[in-house]
Amino acid sequence: MKKRKLITRILFILIIFTAIATGIVYFVYNKEKPLLAFYLACCGGILVLNFFATLFLVRKNFK
């Protein structure tokens, strides 16, 4: 049970850091290179969705 809680906490931290970094990168690159900013934001969004899917599977299957 302790391992599950630790892994869940680590995944939440990764989700938060990735979302914040994606937002910062988007707003930094938005004026100079809007397509690059959009591309990097989409990549960050996909990574966050991947972390959420992993979090869901860990919570469901880790016993």
PDB file of N, CA and C in Angstrom:
ATOM      1  N   MET A   1       0.820  -1.192   0.000  1.00  0.00           N
ATOM      2  CA  MET A   1       0.000   0.000   0.000  1.00  0.00           C
ATOM      3  C   MET A   1       0.866   1.258   0.000  1.00  0.00           C
ATOM      4  N   LYS A   2       2.013   1.206   0.697  1.00  0.00           N
ATOM      5  CA  LYS A   2       2.888   2.372   0.730  1.00  0.00           C
ATOM      6  C   LYS A   2       3.489   2.665  -0.638  1.00  0.00           C
ATOM      7  N   LYS A   3       3.837   1.599  -1.377  1.00  0.00           N
ATOM      8  CA  LYS A   3       4.413   1.798  -2.706  1.00  0.00           C
ATOM      9  C   LYS A   3       3.414   2.458  -3.648  1.00  0.00           C
ATOM     10  N   ARG A   4       2.175   2.047  -3.550  1.00  0.00           N
ATOM     11  CA  ARG A   4       1.134   2.615  -4.407  1.00  0.00           C
ATOM     12  C   ARG A   4       0.979   4.107  -4.139  1.00  0.00           C
ATOM     13  N   LYS A   5       0.997   4.480  -2.872  1.00  0.00           N
ATOM     14  CA  LYS A   5       0.852   5.882  -2.504  1.00  0.00           C
ATOM     15  C   LYS A   5       2.063   6.692  -2.982  1.00  0.00           C
ATOM     16  N   LEU A   6       3.248   6.122  -2.878  1.00  0.00           N
ATOM     17  CA  LEU A   6       4.462   6.796  -3.321  1.00  0.00           C
ATOM     18  C   LEU A   6       4.451   7.014  -4.834  1.00  0.00           C
ATOM     19  N   ILE A   7       4.097   5.971  -5.574  1.00  0.00           N
ATOM     20  CA  ILE A   7       4.049   6.078  -7.032  1.00  0.00           C
ATOM     21  C   ILE A   7       2.984   7.083  -7.462  1.00  0.00           C
ATOM     22  N   THR A   8       1.847   7.073  -6.790  1.00  0.00           N
ATOM     23  CA  THR A   8       0.777   8.023  -7.095  1.00  0.00           C
ATOM     24  C   THR A   8       1.243   9.450  -6.851  1.00  0.00           C
ATOM     25  N   ARG A   9       1.909   9.676  -5.744  1.00  0.00           N
ATOM     26  CA  ARG A   9       2.408  11.017  -5.430  1.00  0.00           C
ATOM     27  C   ARG A   9       3.443  11.479  -6.452  1.00  0.00           C
ATOM     28  N   ILE A  10       4.342  10.592  -6.846  1.00  0.00           N
ATOM     29  CA  ILE A  10       5.354  10.934  -7.847  1.00  0.00           C
ATOM     30  C   ILE A  10       4.692  11.281  -9.176  1.00  0.00           C
ATOM     31  N   LEU A  11       3.680  10.519  -9.567  1.00  0.00           N
ATOM     32  CA  LEU A  11       2.982  10.813 -10.819  1.00  0.00           C
ATOM     33  C   LEU A  11       2.251  12.147 -10.759  1.00  0.00           C
ATOM     34  N   PHE A  12       1.633  12.472  -9.621  1.00  0.00           N
ATOM     35  CA  PHE A  12       0.981  13.775  -9.478  1.00  0.00           C
ATOM     36  C   PHE A  12       1.999  14.912  -9.607  1.00  0.00           C
ATOM     37  N   ILE A  13       3.164  14.749  -8.991  1.00  0.00           N
ATOM     38  CA  ILE A  13       4.202  15.774  -9.082  1.00  0.00           C
ATOM     39  C   ILE A  13       4.682  15.928 -10.519  1.00  0.00           C
ATOM     40  N   LEU A  14       4.865  14.822 -11.228  1.00  0.00           N
ATOM     41  CA  LEU A  14       5.276  14.887 -12.632  1.00  0.00           C
ATOM     42  C   LEU A  14       4.220  15.579 -13.492  1.00  0.00           C
ATOM     43  N   ILE A  15       2.950  15.302 -13.217  1.00  0.00           N
ATOM     44  CA  ILE A  15       1.869  15.943 -13.965  1.00  0.00           C
ATOM     45  C   ILE A  15       1.888  17.450 -13.741  1.00  0.00           C
ATOM     46  N   ILE A  16       2.046  17.858 -12.505  1.00  0.00           N
ATOM     47  CA  ILE A  16       2.042  19.292 -12.189  1.00  0.00           C
ATOM     48  C   ILE A  16       3.249  19.986 -12.823  1.00  0.00           C
ATOM     49  N   PHE A  17       4.446  19.419 -12.666  1.00  0.00           N
ATOM     50  CA  PHE A  17       5.635  20.034 -13.254  1.00  0.00           C
ATOM     51  C   PHE A  17       5.550  20.104 -14.771  1.00  0.00           C
ATOM     52  N   THR A  18       5.060  19.060 -15.400  1.00  0.00           N
ATOM     53  CA  THR A  18       4.951  19.050 -16.853  1.00  0.00           C
ATOM     54  C   THR A  18       3.939  20.082 -17.332  1.00  0.00           C
ATOM     55  N   ALA A  19       2.820  20.201 -16.643  1.00  0.00           N
ATOM     56  CA  ALA A  19       1.811  21.188 -17.033  1.00  0.00           C
ATOM     57  C   ALA A  19       2.339  22.614 -16.870  1.00  0.00           C
ATOM     58  N   ILE A  20       3.042  22.878 -15.779  1.00  0.00           N
ATOM     59  CA  ILE A  20       3.603  24.214 -15.571  1.00  0.00           C
ATOM     60  C   ILE A  20       4.671  24.518 -16.615  1.00  0.00           C
ATOM     61  N   ALA A  21       5.549  23.563 -16.875  1.00  0.00           N
ATOM     62  CA  ALA A  21       6.605  23.765 -17.871  1.00  0.00           C
ATOM     63  C   ALA A  21       6.017  23.956 -19.263  1.00  0.00           C
ATOM     64  N   THR A  22       4.957  23.243 -19.584  1.00  0.00           N
ATOM     65  CA  THR A  22       4.310  23.402 -20.887  1.00  0.00           C
ATOM     66  C   THR A  22       3.722  24.796 -21.025  1.00  0.00           C
ATOM     67  N   GLY A  23       3.074  25.275 -19.988  1.00  0.00           N
ATOM     68  CA  GLY A  23       2.521  26.630 -20.027  1.00  0.00           C
ATOM     69  C   GLY A  23       3.595  27.686 -20.174  1.00  0.00           C
ATOM     70  N   ILE A  24       4.695  27.541 -19.440  1.00  0.00           N
ATOM     71  CA  ILE A  24       5.794  28.509 -19.536  1.00  0.00           C
ATOM     72  C   ILE A  24       6.402  28.505 -20.928  1.00  0.00           C
ATOM     73  N   VAL A  25       6.670  27.321 -21.459  1.00  0.00           N
ATOM     74  CA  VAL A  25       7.256  27.218 -22.799  1.00  0.00           C
ATOM     75  C   VAL A  25       6.321  27.823 -23.845  1.00  0.00           C
ATOM     76  N   TYR A  26       5.031  27.587 -23.695  1.00  0.00           N
ATOM     77  CA  TYR A  26       4.078  28.134 -24.663  1.00  0.00           C
ATOM     78  C   TYR A  26       4.110  29.660 -24.659  1.00  0.00           C
ATOM     79  N   PHE A  27       4.071  30.256 -23.477  1.00  0.00           N
ATOM     80  CA  PHE A  27       4.029  31.714 -23.416  1.00  0.00           C
ATOM     81  C   PHE A  27       5.363  32.361 -23.767  1.00  0.00           C
ATOM     82  N   VAL A  28       6.480  31.659 -23.573  1.00  0.00           N
ATOM     83  CA  VAL A  28       7.783  32.202 -23.957  1.00  0.00           C
ATOM     84  C   VAL A  28       7.944  32.204 -25.474  1.00  0.00           C
ATOM     85  N   TYR A  29       7.566  31.128 -26.124  1.00  0.00           N
ATOM     86  CA  TYR A  29       7.766  31.010 -27.567  1.00  0.00           C
ATOM     87  C   TYR A  29       6.600  31.540 -28.405  1.00  0.00           C
ATOM     88  N   ASN A  30       5.520  31.922 -27.799  1.00  0.00           N
ATOM     89  CA  ASN A  30       4.315  32.272 -28.534  1.00  0.00           C
ATOM     90  C   ASN A  30       4.516  33.466 -29.471  1.00  0.00           C
ATOM     91  N   LYS A  31       5.231  34.502 -29.052  1.00  0.00           N
ATOM     92  CA  LYS A  31       5.377  35.700 -29.876  1.00  0.00           C
ATOM     93  C   LYS A  31       6.400  35.518 -30.982  1.00  0.00           C
ATOM     94  N   GLU A  32       7.479  34.788 -30.701  1.00  0.00           N
ATOM     95  CA  GLU A  32       8.529  34.616 -31.698  1.00  0.00           C
ATOM     96  C   GLU A  32       8.192  33.536 -32.726  1.00  0.00           C
ATOM     97  N   LYS A  33       7.813  32.390 -32.239  1.00  0.00           N
ATOM     98  CA  LYS A  33       7.543  31.237 -33.109  1.00  0.00           C
ATOM     99  C   LYS A  33       6.246  30.586 -32.665  1.00  0.00           C
ATOM    100  N   PRO A  34       5.118  31.045 -33.178  1.00  0.00           N
ATOM    101  CA  PRO A  34       3.837  30.515 -32.696  1.00  0.00           C
ATOM    102  C   PRO A  34       3.614  29.037 -33.016  1.00  0.00           C
ATOM    103  N   LEU A  35       4.094  28.568 -34.167  1.00  0.00           N
ATOM    104  CA  LEU A  35       3.902  27.153 -34.495  1.00  0.00           C
ATOM    105  C   LEU A  35       4.737  26.246 -33.599  1.00  0.00           C
ATOM    106  N   LEU A  36       5.951  26.680 -33.273  1.00  0.00           N
ATOM    107  CA  LEU A  36       6.780  25.908 -32.353  1.00  0.00           C
ATOM    108  C   LEU A  36       6.147  25.882 -30.971  1.00  0.00           C
ATOM    109  N   ALA A  37       5.599  27.013 -30.539  1.00  0.00           N
ATOM    110  CA  ALA A  37       4.935  27.071 -29.236  1.00  0.00           C
ATOM    111  C   ALA A  37       3.740  26.126 -29.197  1.00  0.00           C
ATOM    112  N   PHE A  38       2.958  26.116 -30.261  1.00  0.00           N
ATOM    113  CA  PHE A  38       1.807  25.219 -30.327  1.00  0.00           C
ATOM    114  C   PHE A  38       2.243  23.759 -30.324  1.00  0.00           C
ATOM    115  N   TYR A  39       3.281  23.445 -31.073  1.00  0.00           N
ATOM    116  CA  TYR A  39       3.795  22.080 -31.138  1.00  0.00           C
ATOM    117  C   TYR A  39       4.279  21.608 -29.763  1.00  0.00           C
ATOM    118  N   LEU A  40       5.054  22.455 -29.074  1.00  0.00           N
ATOM    119  CA  LEU A  40       5.566  22.083 -27.763  1.00  0.00           C
ATOM    120  C   LEU A  40       4.444  21.961 -26.737  1.00  0.00           C
ATOM    121  N   ALA A  41       3.430  22.813 -26.850  1.00  0.00           N
ATOM    122  CA  ALA A  41       2.285  22.711 -25.941  1.00  0.00           C
ATOM    123  C   ALA A  41       1.517  21.411 -26.181  1.00  0.00           C
ATOM    124  N   CYS A  42       1.381  21.035 -27.430  1.00  0.00           N
ATOM    125  CA  CYS A  42       0.706  19.763 -27.738  1.00  0.00           C
ATOM    126  C   CYS A  42       1.512  18.572 -27.212  1.00  0.00           C
ATOM    127  N   CYS A  43       2.821  18.622 -27.363  1.00  0.00           N
ATOM    128  CA  CYS A  43       3.666  17.540 -26.839  1.00  0.00           C
ATOM    129  C   CYS A  43       3.555  17.450 -25.321  1.00  0.00           C
ATOM    130  N   GLY A  44       3.553  18.591 -24.660  1.00  0.00           N
ATOM    131  CA  GLY A  44       3.389  18.598 -23.211  1.00  0.00           C
ATOM    132  C   GLY A  44       2.027  18.077 -22.791  1.00  0.00           C
ATOM    133  N   GLY A  45       0.991  18.433 -23.557  1.00  0.00           N
ATOM    134  CA  GLY A  45      -0.359  17.947 -23.262  1.00  0.00           C
ATOM    135  C   GLY A  45      -0.467  16.437 -23.409  1.00  0.00           C
ATOM    136  N   ILE A  46       0.160  15.913 -24.451  1.00  0.00           N
ATOM    137  CA  ILE A  46       0.161  14.458 -24.651  1.00  0.00           C
ATOM    138  C   ILE A  46       0.894  13.766 -23.498  1.00  0.00           C
ATOM    139  N   LEU A  47       1.989  14.363 -23.049  1.00  0.00           N
ATOM    140  CA  LEU A  47       2.733  13.790 -21.935  1.00  0.00           C
ATOM    141  C   LEU A  47       1.900  13.795 -20.651  1.00  0.00           C
ATOM    142  N   VAL A  48       1.173  14.874 -20.416  1.00  0.00           N
ATOM    143  CA  VAL A  48       0.302  14.941 -19.233  1.00  0.00           C
ATOM    144  C   VAL A  48      -0.801  13.889 -19.330  1.00  0.00           C
ATOM    145  N   LEU A  49      -1.396  13.731 -20.505  1.00  0.00           N
ATOM    146  CA  LEU A  49      -2.420  12.693 -20.675  1.00  0.00           C
ATOM    147  C   LEU A  49      -1.842  11.296 -20.444  1.00  0.00           C
ATOM    148  N   ASN A  50      -0.620  11.085 -20.882  1.00  0.00           N
ATOM    149  CA  ASN A  50       0.046   9.803 -20.661  1.00  0.00           C
ATOM    150  C   ASN A  50       0.258   9.558 -19.170  1.00  0.00           C
ATOM    151  N   PHE A  51       0.664  10.588 -18.437  1.00  0.00           N
ATOM    152  CA  PHE A  51       0.824  10.445 -16.987  1.00  0.00           C
ATOM    153  C   PHE A  51      -0.509  10.145 -16.312  1.00  0.00           C
ATOM    154  N   PHE A  52      -1.594  10.791 -16.779  1.00  0.00           N
ATOM    155  CA  PHE A  52      -2.909  10.514 -16.202  1.00  0.00           C
ATOM    156  C   PHE A  52      -3.340   9.073 -16.470  1.00  0.00           C
ATOM    157  N   ALA A  53      -3.066   8.573 -17.675  1.00  0.00           N
ATOM    158  CA  ALA A  53      -3.408   7.183 -17.983  1.00  0.00           C
ATOM    159  C   ALA A  53      -2.602   6.225 -17.108  1.00  0.00           C
ATOM    160  N   THR A  54      -1.329   6.532 -16.924  1.00  0.00           N
ATOM    161  CA  THR A  54      -0.492   5.714 -16.058  1.00  0.00           C
ATOM    162  C   THR A  54      -0.997   5.751 -14.623  1.00  0.00           C
ATOM    163  N   LEU A  55      -1.393   6.932 -14.167  1.00  0.00           N
ATOM    164  CA  LEU A  55      -1.927   7.083 -12.815  1.00  0.00           C
ATOM    165  C   LEU A  55      -3.195   6.249 -12.643  1.00  0.00           C
ATOM    166  N   PHE A  56      -4.075   6.289 -13.635  1.00  0.00           N
ATOM    167  CA  PHE A  56      -5.297   5.502 -13.577  1.00  0.00           C
ATOM    168  C   PHE A  56      -4.993   4.006 -13.512  1.00  0.00           C
ATOM    169  N   LEU A  57      -4.084   3.544 -14.334  1.00  0.00           N
ATOM    170  CA  LEU A  57      -3.738   2.119 -14.346  1.00  0.00           C
ATOM    171  C   LEU A  57      -3.028   1.678 -13.077  1.00  0.00           C
ATOM    172  N   VAL A  58      -2.183   2.544 -12.537  1.00  0.00           N
ATOM    173  CA  VAL A  58      -1.506   2.206 -11.285  1.00  0.00           C
ATOM    174  C   VAL A  58      -2.514   2.088 -10.155  1.00  0.00           C
ATOM    175  N   ARG A  59      -3.432   3.034 -10.078  1.00  0.00           N
ATOM    176  CA  ARG A  59      -4.437   2.989  -9.008  1.00  0.00           C
ATOM    177  C   ARG A  59      -5.350   1.779  -9.140  1.00  0.00           C
ATOM    178  N   LYS A  60      -5.622   1.389 -10.370  1.00  0.00           N
ATOM    179  CA  LYS A  60      -6.548   0.275 -10.592  1.00  0.00           C
ATOM    180  C   LYS A  60      -5.875  -1.086 -10.343  1.00  0.00           C
ATOM    181  N   ASN A  61      -4.632  -1.246 -10.782  1.00  0.00           N
ATOM    182  CA  ASN A  61      -4.016  -2.566 -10.787  1.00  0.00           C
ATOM    183  C   ASN A  61      -2.971  -2.814  -9.719  1.00  0.00           C
ATOM    184  N   PHE A  62      -2.473  -1.788  -9.087  1.00  0.00           N
ATOM    185  CA  PHE A  62      -1.410  -1.977  -8.102  1.00  0.00           C
ATOM    186  C   PHE A  62      -2.017  -2.359  -6.757  1.00  0.00           C
ATOM    187  N   LYS A  63      -1.727  -3.571  -6.301  1.00  0.00           N
ATOM    188  CA  LYS A  63      -2.305  -4.034  -5.040  1.00  0.00           C
ATOM    189  C   LYS A  63      -1.258  -4.399  -4.042  1.00  0.00           C
TER     190      LYS A  63
END
